[in-house]
Structures are given as C-alpha cells and as structure tokens.
Protein backbone atom coordinates (compact mmCIF):
# COMPACT_ATOMS: atom_id res chain seq x y z
CA MET A 1 20.62 2.46 -26.17
CA LEU A 2 20.86 5.62 -23.94
CA ARG A 3 18.45 4.04 -21.45
CA GLN A 4 21.10 0.46 -21.44
CA LEU A 5 23.94 2.67 -21.00
CA ASN A 6 22.46 4.88 -18.03
CA ARG A 7 21.71 1.57 -16.47
CA ALA A 8 24.89 0.03 -16.51
CA LEU A 9 26.87 3.59 -15.50
CA GLY A 10 24.09 3.85 -12.56
CA ARG A 11 25.05 0.39 -11.24
CA LEU A 12 28.58 1.55 -11.41
CA THR A 13 28.80 4.95 -10.55
CA GLY A 14 25.37 6.59 -9.60
CA LEU A 15 25.24 8.96 -12.48
CA GLN A 16 23.43 9.42 -15.85
CA ILE A 17 23.63 10.84 -19.11
CA ARG A 18 20.98 13.52 -19.85
CA ARG A 19 20.39 15.81 -22.94
CA ALA A 20 21.46 19.30 -22.10
CA PRO A 21 17.86 21.19 -22.47
CA LYS A 22 17.46 23.77 -25.46
CA PRO A 23 18.68 27.40 -24.66
CA HIS A 24 15.67 29.66 -23.59
CA ARG A 25 15.40 32.46 -26.18
CA LYS A 26 13.80 35.66 -25.31
CA LYS A 27 11.41 36.42 -27.69
CA THR A 28 12.04 40.03 -29.14
CA LYS A 29 9.34 42.43 -28.23
CA ALA A 30 8.22 44.54 -30.70
CA ALA A 31 9.09 48.57 -30.65
CA THR A 32 6.68 50.73 -29.49
CA PRO A 33 6.22 53.09 -32.33
CA ALA A 34 7.61 56.66 -31.41
CA VAL A 35 4.54 58.08 -31.60
CA ARG A 36 1.18 56.92 -30.67
CA PRO A 37 -1.55 55.90 -33.15
CA GLY A 38 -3.82 58.94 -33.51
CA ARG A 39 -1.17 61.89 -32.03
CA ARG A 40 0.32 64.13 -34.18
CA PRO A 41 4.43 63.45 -34.72
CA ASP A 42 6.50 65.93 -33.86
CA TYR A 43 8.92 66.93 -36.82
CA ARG A 44 12.01 69.28 -36.83
CA PRO A 45 14.02 70.75 -39.82
CA PRO A 46 17.40 68.40 -40.49
CA ARG A 47 20.03 69.52 -38.71
CA ASN A 48 22.31 69.32 -41.80
CA PRO A 49 20.43 69.79 -44.85
CA GLN A 50 23.96 68.75 -47.15
CA VAL A 51 23.99 65.65 -45.72
CA ASP A 52 20.06 64.69 -44.98
CA ARG A 53 18.99 66.15 -48.13
CA LEU A 54 19.34 64.82 -51.53
CA ILE A 55 17.13 66.75 -53.34
CA ARG A 56 17.11 70.73 -53.50
CA GLN A 57 14.70 73.34 -53.58
CA PRO A 58 11.82 70.92 -54.95
CA VAL A 59 8.71 73.41 -55.75
CA PHE A 60 4.79 72.43 -54.06
CA ILE A 61 2.10 73.76 -55.87
CA ILE A 62 0.00 74.51 -52.69
CA THR A 63 -3.84 74.35 -54.02
CA PRO A 64 -7.43 73.26 -53.31
CA VAL A 65 -8.97 70.43 -55.18
CA ARG A 66 -10.24 70.86 -58.96
CA SER A 67 -8.05 73.90 -59.08
CA GLY A 68 -6.68 73.44 -62.37
CA ALA A 69 -3.19 71.90 -60.59
CA THR A 70 -2.87 68.94 -63.13
CA LEU A 71 -3.10 71.47 -65.96
CA LEU A 72 -0.49 73.60 -64.32
CA ARG A 73 2.22 70.77 -63.48
CA MET A 74 1.95 69.50 -67.42
CA LEU A 75 2.61 72.75 -68.57
CA LEU A 76 5.32 73.34 -66.27
CA GLY A 77 6.50 70.00 -67.17
CA GLY A 78 7.13 71.21 -70.46
CA HIS A 79 10.28 73.14 -69.40
CA SER A 80 13.40 71.50 -70.32
CA ARG A 81 14.79 71.79 -66.41
CA LEU A 82 11.07 71.07 -64.62
CA HIS A 83 10.00 67.94 -63.68
CA ALA A 84 5.94 67.29 -62.78
CA PRO A 85 4.62 64.11 -62.29
CA HIS A 86 2.10 62.76 -61.14
CA GLU A 87 0.48 63.18 -57.70
CA LEU A 88 2.63 61.33 -55.53
CA HIS A 89 1.21 61.45 -51.64
CA VAL A 90 4.69 61.47 -50.14
CA ARG A 91 3.59 62.63 -46.54
CA ARG A 92 1.61 59.36 -46.38
CA LEU A 93 4.55 57.40 -46.45
CA GLU A 94 5.17 56.41 -42.36
CA VAL A 95 8.33 54.47 -40.97
CA THR A 96 7.74 52.38 -38.09
CA ALA A 97 10.04 49.86 -36.05
CA GLY A 98 9.84 46.02 -35.75
CA THR A 99 12.26 45.97 -32.50
CA GLU A 100 13.45 47.82 -29.70
CA LEU A 101 17.11 47.39 -31.03
CA ALA A 102 16.04 49.35 -34.36
CA VAL A 103 14.53 51.96 -31.96
CA GLU A 104 17.39 52.25 -29.73
CA ALA A 105 19.85 51.94 -32.96
CA MET A 106 17.73 54.84 -34.24
CA ASN A 107 18.16 57.09 -31.06
CA GLU A 108 21.72 56.83 -31.11
CA LEU A 109 22.06 57.84 -34.37
CA ASP A 110 19.31 60.70 -33.04
CA LEU A 111 16.83 60.08 -35.85
CA GLN A 112 13.78 60.11 -34.82
CA ARG A 113 10.64 58.69 -36.29
CA THR A 114 9.29 61.67 -38.55
CA ASP A 115 13.03 62.19 -39.50
CA LEU A 116 13.05 58.88 -40.98
CA GLU A 117 10.01 59.75 -42.74
CA HIS A 118 11.45 62.74 -43.89
CA LEU A 119 14.59 60.95 -45.11
CA LEU A 120 11.79 58.49 -47.22
CA TRP A 121 10.17 61.34 -48.65
CA ASP A 122 12.90 63.15 -49.98
CA ARG A 123 14.99 59.80 -51.32
CA VAL A 124 11.34 59.31 -53.35
CA LEU A 125 11.28 62.36 -54.42
CA HIS A 126 15.05 62.63 -55.43
CA ARG A 127 14.43 58.86 -57.62
CA GLU A 128 11.80 60.57 -59.67
CA LEU A 129 13.91 63.73 -60.38
CA VAL A 130 16.78 61.81 -61.42
CA ARG A 131 14.70 59.27 -63.41
CA SER A 132 13.50 62.34 -65.52
CA GLY A 133 17.05 64.21 -66.31
CA LYS A 134 15.92 67.17 -64.98
CA ASP A 135 16.87 69.50 -61.95
CA ILE A 136 14.01 70.62 -60.47
CA LEU A 137 11.13 68.85 -58.70
CA VAL A 138 7.42 69.91 -59.11
CA GLU A 139 4.88 68.44 -56.56
CA LYS A 140 1.23 69.20 -56.64
CA THR A 141 -0.42 66.89 -54.45
CA PRO A 142 -3.51 68.75 -52.72
CA ASN A 143 -3.80 67.53 -49.63
CA ASN A 144 -0.28 68.68 -49.00
CA ALA A 145 -2.45 71.99 -47.95
CA PHE A 146 -3.00 69.98 -44.72
CA ALA A 147 0.96 69.51 -44.16
CA TYR A 148 2.88 72.43 -45.37
CA GLN A 149 4.40 73.44 -42.16
CA ARG A 150 5.92 69.96 -42.20
CA ILE A 151 6.60 69.95 -45.68
CA ALA A 152 8.83 73.87 -44.84
CA ALA A 153 10.31 71.98 -42.19
CA CYS A 154 11.15 68.62 -43.65
CA TRP A 155 12.97 70.58 -46.87
CA PRO A 156 13.63 74.35 -45.46
CA ASP A 157 14.91 75.38 -48.98
CA ALA A 158 11.37 74.44 -50.68
CA ARG A 159 9.67 77.29 -52.91
CA PHE A 160 5.63 77.75 -52.99
CA VAL A 161 3.34 78.20 -55.63
CA PHE A 162 -0.34 78.89 -54.77
CA LEU A 163 -3.02 78.45 -56.94
CA LEU A 164 -6.36 79.91 -56.19
CA ARG A 165 -9.25 79.11 -57.80
CA HIS A 166 -12.95 80.70 -57.07
CA PRO A 167 -14.18 78.58 -54.36
CA ALA A 168 -17.70 78.65 -55.62
CA SER A 169 -16.01 76.95 -58.54
CA ILE A 170 -14.19 74.57 -57.06
CA ALA A 171 -17.42 73.19 -55.27
CA GLN A 172 -19.28 73.19 -58.13
CA SER A 173 -16.35 71.12 -60.42
CA TRP A 174 -16.22 68.47 -57.42
CA TYR A 175 -19.92 68.02 -57.06
CA GLU A 176 -20.09 67.47 -60.90
CA ALA A 177 -16.94 64.98 -60.51
CA ASP A 178 -19.32 62.18 -58.82
CA PRO A 179 -22.81 63.38 -58.16
CA SER A 180 -23.34 60.09 -56.98
CA GLN A 181 -20.59 60.50 -54.31
CA ARG A 182 -21.63 64.10 -52.35
CA THR A 183 -24.38 66.45 -52.49
CA PRO A 184 -24.01 70.21 -53.75
CA GLU A 185 -23.86 71.13 -49.76
CA GLU A 186 -21.28 68.35 -49.13
CA ALA A 187 -19.18 69.82 -52.18
CA ALA A 188 -19.35 73.11 -50.52
CA LEU A 189 -17.90 71.94 -47.10
CA GLN A 190 -15.05 69.86 -48.13
CA ALA A 191 -14.00 72.77 -50.62
CA LEU A 192 -14.27 74.77 -47.11
CA HIS A 193 -11.47 72.41 -46.03
CA TYR A 194 -9.17 72.70 -48.80
CA THR A 195 -9.62 76.53 -49.32
CA ARG A 196 -9.28 77.36 -45.72
CA ALA A 197 -5.92 75.42 -45.35
CA THR A 198 -4.49 76.33 -48.45
CA GLU A 199 -5.26 80.46 -47.38
CA ARG A 200 -3.39 79.43 -44.47
CA ALA A 201 -0.39 78.08 -45.77
CA ARG A 202 0.03 81.50 -48.24
CA ARG A 203 -0.27 83.18 -44.81
CA GLU A 204 2.35 81.72 -43.55
CA LEU A 205 4.39 80.65 -46.30
CA PRO A 206 6.63 82.87 -48.74
CA GLY A 207 5.77 81.92 -52.14
CA HIS A 208 4.42 83.13 -55.55
CA LEU A 209 0.64 83.44 -56.21
CA VAL A 210 -1.24 82.27 -59.55
CA ARG A 211 -5.03 81.88 -60.25
CA TYR A 212 -6.75 79.43 -62.62
CA GLU A 213 -8.73 82.13 -64.20
CA ASP A 214 -5.44 83.35 -65.34
CA LEU A 215 -4.17 80.05 -66.17
CA THR A 216 -6.59 79.22 -68.59
CA THR A 217 -7.22 82.93 -70.14
CA ASP A 218 -3.91 83.68 -70.43
CA PRO A 219 -1.46 80.58 -69.64
CA GLU A 220 1.84 82.19 -71.05
CA SER A 221 1.54 85.23 -68.54
CA VAL A 222 1.37 83.05 -65.81
CA LEU A 223 3.91 80.40 -66.76
CA ARG A 224 6.28 83.57 -67.49
CA SER A 225 5.83 84.81 -64.00
CA ILE A 226 6.55 81.18 -62.33
CA CYS A 227 9.47 81.08 -64.24
CA ASP A 228 10.38 84.68 -63.10
CA PHE A 229 9.82 83.36 -59.83
CA LEU A 230 11.83 80.10 -60.12
CA GLY A 231 14.85 82.07 -61.84
CA ILE A 232 14.41 79.95 -64.94
CA ALA A 233 14.26 81.56 -68.50
CA TYR A 234 10.52 80.95 -69.99
CA GLU A 235 10.58 78.13 -72.56
CA PRO A 236 7.48 78.22 -75.19
CA GLU A 237 7.24 75.05 -75.74
CA MET A 238 5.95 75.00 -72.21
CA LEU A 239 2.44 75.54 -73.94
CA ASP A 240 2.48 72.75 -76.40
CA TYR A 241 1.85 69.66 -73.86
CA GLY A 242 -0.38 68.18 -75.93
CA THR A 243 2.51 67.56 -77.90
CA ARG A 244 4.28 65.20 -75.62
CA GLU A 245 3.77 61.82 -74.62
CA GLU A 246 3.12 61.50 -71.12
CA GLY A 247 1.48 58.14 -71.47
CA GLU A 248 -1.49 57.45 -69.80
CA LEU A 249 -2.66 59.77 -66.79
CA PRO A 250 -3.08 57.28 -63.82
CA LYS A 251 -7.02 57.64 -62.32
CA GLY A 252 -6.75 58.88 -58.86
CA LEU A 253 -3.98 60.99 -58.45
CA GLY A 254 -4.90 64.10 -60.78
CA ASP A 255 -7.15 64.76 -63.14
CA TRP A 256 -7.13 62.22 -66.07
CA LYS A 257 -10.83 63.50 -67.61
CA GLU A 258 -11.16 64.42 -71.50
CA LYS A 259 -10.76 67.85 -70.87
CA ILE A 260 -7.03 67.40 -69.59
CA ARG A 261 -6.38 64.45 -71.89
CA SER A 262 -7.02 66.98 -74.67
CA GLY A 263 -3.41 68.65 -74.91
CA ARG A 264 -4.47 72.32 -74.73
CA VAL A 265 -5.49 74.68 -72.82
CA GLN A 266 -9.59 75.15 -72.41
CA GLN A 267 -11.47 78.51 -71.35
CA GLY A 268 -12.84 77.85 -67.42
CA ARG A 269 -16.27 78.03 -66.53
CA ALA A 270 -17.66 81.01 -66.32
CA LEU A 271 -17.51 82.84 -62.62
CA PRO A 272 -20.50 82.33 -60.75
CA GLU A 273 -22.86 85.54 -59.91
CA PRO A 274 -22.67 86.77 -56.28
CA GLY A 275 -25.61 85.33 -55.40
CA GLU A 276 -24.62 81.84 -56.47
CA VAL A 277 -21.89 81.57 -54.20
CA PRO A 278 -22.85 79.04 -51.35
CA GLU A 279 -23.35 80.32 -47.71
CA PRO A 280 -20.24 78.70 -46.50
CA LEU A 281 -17.96 80.01 -49.28
CA ARG A 282 -19.03 83.64 -49.21
CA GLU A 283 -15.86 84.86 -46.75
CA ILE A 284 -13.10 82.45 -48.37
CA SER A 285 -14.45 83.94 -52.04
CA ALA A 286 -14.27 87.75 -50.67
CA ALA A 287 -11.06 87.22 -48.76
CA TRP A 288 -9.73 85.77 -52.10
CA GLY A 289 -10.65 88.96 -54.17
CA TYR A 290 -13.70 86.76 -55.77
CA LEU A 291 -16.85 88.73 -53.95
CA THR A 292 -17.03 92.05 -52.76
CA ASP A 293 -19.51 91.62 -49.51
CA PRO A 294 -21.00 95.11 -48.31
CA ALA A 295 -21.41 93.49 -44.80
CA GLY A 296 -17.60 92.90 -44.54
CA ALA A 297 -17.39 88.89 -45.19
CA ALA A 298 -13.59 89.30 -45.56
CA ALA A 299 -13.19 91.24 -42.48
CA ASP A 300 -15.25 88.19 -41.28
CA ALA A 301 -12.85 85.69 -42.46
CA ALA A 302 -9.89 87.07 -41.22
CA ALA A 303 -11.41 87.49 -37.62
CA ASP A 304 -12.82 83.89 -37.74
CA ASP A 305 -9.04 82.72 -39.02
CA PRO A 306 -7.87 81.99 -35.49
CA CYS A 307 -9.10 78.57 -33.94
CA ALA A 308 -8.59 76.06 -31.60
CA GLU A 309 -8.22 73.11 -33.93
CA VAL A 310 -8.43 69.61 -31.75
CA THR A 311 -5.97 66.97 -32.84
CA GLU A 312 -6.66 64.19 -30.00
CA VAL A 313 -9.80 63.25 -28.81
CA TRP A 314 -9.50 60.79 -25.80
CA PRO A 315 -13.09 59.52 -23.43
CA ARG A 316 -11.94 57.33 -20.71
CA ASP A 317 -12.34 56.76 -17.44
CA GLY A 318 -15.43 59.06 -17.11
CA LEU A 319 -13.51 62.26 -18.57
CA ILE A 320 -13.11 63.67 -22.24
CA ARG A 321 -9.35 64.68 -22.72
CA ILE A 322 -8.91 67.09 -25.36
CA VAL A 323 -5.56 67.68 -26.62
CA GLY A 324 -4.86 70.82 -29.97
CA ARG A 325 -3.17 73.90 -31.00
CA LEU A 326 -4.14 77.51 -31.28
CA HIS A 327 -4.15 79.19 -34.63
CA GLY A 328 -3.79 82.60 -35.35
CA VAL A 329 -3.52 83.76 -31.53
CA PRO A 330 -0.77 86.16 -31.43
CA ALA A 331 1.64 86.17 -28.40
CA ALA A 332 0.42 87.17 -25.48
CA GLU A 333 2.44 89.79 -23.36
CA GLU A 334 3.34 88.85 -19.52
CA PRO A 335 1.63 87.68 -17.95
CA ALA A 336 0.04 84.90 -20.24
CA PRO A 337 -3.84 84.92 -20.44
CA ARG A 338 -5.36 81.87 -18.32
CA TRP A 339 -7.33 80.15 -20.89
CA ARG A 340 -10.48 77.69 -20.57
CA LEU A 341 -12.60 75.14 -21.99
CA ALA A 342 -16.11 76.88 -22.19
CA VAL A 343 -18.62 74.09 -22.87
CA THR A 344 -22.29 75.21 -23.69
CA LEU A 345 -25.30 73.60 -23.75
CA THR A 346 -26.68 74.06 -27.50
CA GLY A 347 -30.01 76.88 -27.89
CA SER A 348 -29.18 77.72 -23.49
CA PRO A 349 -25.51 79.77 -23.45
CA GLU A 350 -26.89 80.80 -20.21
CA ARG A 351 -25.72 76.99 -19.43
CA ARG A 352 -22.19 77.09 -19.47
CA LEU A 353 -19.28 74.90 -17.28
CA ASP A 354 -15.51 76.00 -17.25
CA TYR A 355 -12.63 73.72 -16.78
CA PRO A 356 -8.92 74.92 -16.87
CA ALA A 357 -7.14 74.40 -19.99
CA THR A 358 -3.05 74.35 -20.01
CA LEU A 359 -1.18 75.56 -22.31
CA HIS A 360 2.40 74.50 -23.38
CA GLY A 361 3.30 77.28 -26.49
CA ASP A 362 0.60 76.84 -28.76
CA THR A 363 -0.39 73.31 -27.90
CA PHE A 364 -3.42 73.23 -25.68
CA GLU A 365 -4.82 70.64 -23.36
CA ALA A 366 -8.32 70.27 -21.05
CA SER A 367 -10.55 67.68 -19.73
CA VAL A 368 -14.28 67.40 -18.86
CA PRO A 369 -16.03 65.41 -16.23
CA VAL A 370 -18.53 63.45 -18.78
CA VAL A 371 -20.98 63.02 -15.07
CA ASP A 372 -21.18 66.97 -14.96
CA LEU A 373 -22.63 66.61 -19.18
CA ALA A 374 -25.72 64.97 -17.71
CA PRO A 375 -26.89 66.68 -14.71
CA SER A 376 -30.49 65.56 -12.91
CA GLY A 377 -33.54 67.08 -14.90
CA ILE A 378 -31.19 67.50 -18.44
CA ALA A 379 -33.59 67.50 -21.62
CA LEU A 380 -32.66 65.09 -23.45
CA PRO A 381 -31.23 65.02 -26.58
CA ALA A 382 -28.63 67.71 -25.33
CA LYS A 383 -25.39 68.76 -27.78
CA TRP A 384 -22.73 70.92 -25.80
CA ASP A 385 -20.35 72.93 -27.61
CA LEU A 386 -16.99 73.76 -26.53
CA HIS A 387 -14.77 76.74 -26.95
CA LEU A 388 -11.36 77.94 -26.05
CA THR A 389 -11.80 80.62 -24.14
CA THR A 390 -9.73 83.85 -22.17
CA GLY A 391 -10.51 86.72 -20.80
CA ALA A 392 -14.02 88.19 -19.58
CA GLY A 393 -16.97 90.06 -20.40
CA ALA A 394 -16.43 92.30 -23.85
CA ARG A 395 -12.98 91.11 -23.72
CA GLU A 396 -13.99 87.60 -23.88
CA VAL A 397 -11.81 85.65 -26.92
CA ARG A 398 -13.99 82.66 -28.02
CA LEU A 399 -12.17 79.72 -30.50
CA ARG A 400 -14.58 77.25 -31.29
CA ALA A 401 -12.63 73.89 -31.26
CA THR A 402 -12.65 72.69 -34.48
CA ARG A 403 -11.29 70.15 -36.34
CA ILE A 404 -9.41 70.76 -40.18
CA LEU A 405 -9.90 67.54 -41.81
CA ASP A 406 -7.97 66.66 -44.48
CA ASP A 407 -8.98 64.74 -47.88
CA ILE A 408 -9.97 61.45 -46.68
CA GLU A 409 -13.47 60.56 -47.73
CA GLN A 410 -15.92 60.40 -45.34
CA LYS A 411 -13.61 61.09 -42.73
CA LYS A 412 -16.35 61.69 -39.94
CA ASN A 413 -17.82 58.62 -40.08
CA ILE A 414 -14.23 57.06 -39.70
CA MET A 415 -13.43 59.00 -36.41
CA VAL A 416 -16.02 57.29 -33.94
CA PHE A 417 -15.50 57.89 -30.58
CA PRO A 418 -16.92 55.16 -27.95
CA ALA A 419 -19.49 56.92 -25.69
CA GLN A 420 -19.14 56.85 -21.89
CA SER A 421 -22.39 55.69 -19.76
CA VAL A 422 -23.65 58.18 -16.67
CA SER A 423 -26.53 56.88 -14.70
CA SER A 424 -28.84 60.13 -13.89
CA ASP A 425 -32.33 59.61 -12.24
CA ALA A 426 -33.66 56.26 -13.25
CA ASP A 427 -31.98 56.58 -16.99
CA THR A 428 -28.74 55.78 -18.15
CA ILE A 429 -27.51 58.31 -20.24
CA GLN A 430 -24.68 58.01 -22.87
CA VAL A 431 -21.95 60.65 -23.49
CA LYS A 432 -20.29 60.72 -27.08
CA PRO A 433 -17.78 63.42 -28.72
CA TYR A 434 -18.36 63.73 -32.24
CA TYR A 435 -17.61 65.81 -35.18
CA THR A 436 -20.54 68.10 -36.67
CA VAL A 437 -20.88 68.52 -40.41
CA ARG A 438 -19.29 71.74 -39.78
CA ASP A 439 -15.91 69.85 -38.29
CA ASN A 440 -16.94 71.37 -35.03
CA LEU A 441 -16.53 69.08 -31.88
CA SER A 442 -19.16 68.66 -30.03
CA ILE A 443 -20.66 66.08 -26.99
CA ALA A 444 -23.98 64.63 -27.66
CA CYS A 445 -25.95 63.24 -24.36
CA GLN A 446 -28.92 60.82 -25.09
CA LEU A 447 -30.34 57.84 -24.07
CA ARG A 448 -28.45 54.64 -25.77
CA ASP A 449 -31.22 53.96 -27.99
CA ASP A 450 -31.35 57.28 -29.48
CA LEU A 451 -27.57 57.93 -29.47
CA SER A 452 -27.03 57.65 -33.03
CA ARG A 453 -30.10 59.97 -34.07
CA THR A 454 -28.09 62.76 -32.35
CA LEU A 455 -24.85 62.48 -34.18
CA SER A 456 -25.90 64.75 -37.23
C-alpha cells in the first residue's frame, strides 16, 4: 500500500512518504563507584547526628574471637533495657550507585558513598532495636575491632566495652574449634591479629574494660560494672540467660556450640603456664597483664606498636606503588621529618635501596622500580623487606611495612598480586609483592617457574 501511494505521489509531486527513524536513546553509563576497588574509602562523622542517626548511644563490644563475647551478649540481653542480638556484621554492608545521575543526586545532598553506608548501618541497627522493644542496642561482632575508627565516626556517641582474654587461650580455643582448618601455629598468628586490633582500639577509644576470666568466675561483678558504666541499674535476671527463650543460635554468627547452649556460665579453662605461651603471643600477653616477662616483653610490645600499615599495592608499568598509613607515630614538630621507603635484601642488610616517601597527614605513598630489584648478578631466589624510615644512624626510626589482616579466612591466599618481568643477563626474572605469614609486605624475585615456591 505504501509503495503504491509513493509511486502516485512521486509522479504528481516528486515526494515520497517514509517512516520517521526511531529516536536514538543514549545508553546510560553505569556510574563509577565513588571509591576504587581495593581503596580504603574516606569517612566522616554525621554533620547533624539528630537528623542522620536514628539509634542513640549504641554499645559495641570490642574483642578478639573466642573471648566469650557470645556469653557476654546473652547475659546482657537479659536486661530489660539491653538488646544484644547475634553478630550483625553491618560494616560489611556496602552501597553502590547504578548511574551517574544517582551519584549527582547524592552529591547535591552532600552524601558520599560512606555517608550512605552509615545511614544503612544505622537503619539496620535501629530496626533491630525497635523490634526488640528495648532502648539500648549491644553489638558484638568481633571483626569490629578492625573498624573501630569508622564505627566511632559513624556513631560519635557510641560506647565501648573491651573484652579481653589470655591470648594463648584464644589461640587454643580457635584451634580446637576446627583443627582441620588451621594448625596451632596459624591459630596463634590469627589470634595475634585480633588481639593487636583490640589493643589499638582500647588505646584510642574511651570505654570499659572487662576480662573473660572474671566473667566466668564472678559474672555478677562483671555485669554490675558494665551496668554502672552504661548508667543503668543491675538486674539479677541477667544471670539466668538459660531460662529465656533465645531460639536457635545461628551457626557462624557467634558461638553456637553445646557449652554456650547449656544456659549457664561455666568455668573457663585454666590459664596456660608461661612456657606454654606461643612466641608470637608473648608480647601482647605481657601487655595485657597475663605474662610477666623479665626480658621486658611489655616494653617491647609498646615499642612495636608504631607501624606502617599498607592499604594499597599497585604493581604496574614497571613500578610497585605502595600506599598506607602510619600508626602510633607522634606528630612531629616543624620541620617535618623526611620519610623514605627502605627496601633491604633479606639476609644482606648492606644491600639496601632507598626511595622517597610522600606524606599527607598520616598517609604515605612510595614507589619502587622493579628493575632495581633484579640487578645483574643477583642470587636467586631473592626476597626484599620493606620499611618506612626516617632519621639516620642510631636515631633512625624503622617501621615494618605490614598489613593488619581482618577476619577473612585465608586472606593472604586471596590477596595475590601480579608479577612483573625484568630481563637480567640471559634470564627473565619475575618480581612480585606478597604478604608473609606474619603479614609483612615483601617482594620476591625469582625465575618464572620457581616463583610460587618463593612465596612463603
């Protein structure tokens, strides 16, 4: 029909009818996340807590794993005003934008990605508290010890209870929980991560200190002290947590084994003898008052507190770029000290490379050319250790470049960095950063086929 009409119109007028093309719709490009993957997002306190926060004065139990936090939260949950649910892991909840328009809209509201996440966290906790009918929420997720600064920023009025336990007992309990998943040595190192994180939080935040050993021997005194700290009256019913309907304890969100399900406070294990404390845990055990070390381990622990925590590693374009933060370093007077990244060949301290490190506040950044790490004639395999340094000679400060790992199982196996190639003599050498068993950042140099055997 259209063809016939067009032929007739063409003969009479020279014109034809054509369908109008469909309008081109520009595809909406997904918004780039506000923070690059792997980069620690910036965060800030709420501008107006009365508007931006629903929950008031939440209580966080900062503690390592296997330290009795489930027992404590069930006892506290017996109070008429305290709601202590299972581990909520709200800090693992993230917010992303699907379009550029969404990002622009939030920018107009002066809401960053982390602000939106804090609103989400607060709403989840508030919903849980409202459902309980009580007015004070207690949260006990152990990995909060690795995010205490952000939690304190999210809720400026938060209150903190620090629950400590003998570090060697933590390691033993952690190993016994699942011997097929970790060796006793690995359990000790994992206990060290949690205890160090808890100690940093305890030093930087105000709060109330209790011990697992006191909780299991005299729970009433511990509960009374916590109630005094929170400004509420002690209630004897808190001790009878076994008579309350708690429902099933969810596996993986706190202790759920038979001992905690017994409904009564049971005596803890005997404290280990000094000789039974694993070497990695001796310093923190002394710092917490569980171990008297005539060699001064407590002093060593305090001296070891400053560190250069690595937050980003970018191996690309012939460089290994390292970004991190200084912890425990006092503010320097003017002029500010010059920091350097010292790269030292393991076992050969005389083979040292120095690179400038730039500081912005407590954040540092430095880059290492990979070609420098594989000079001609280097004995392979080779490992390089990294330190942030300032000063010289006897006054030099050396901070090991390290990674404070959180509770993610086998994270060192997940955090695998790409290798870069360097031609040296007749061989091609692979240069690759990696984390050691003690979570220190090192760099391995090895022939391609042997590289995997070097990373240990």
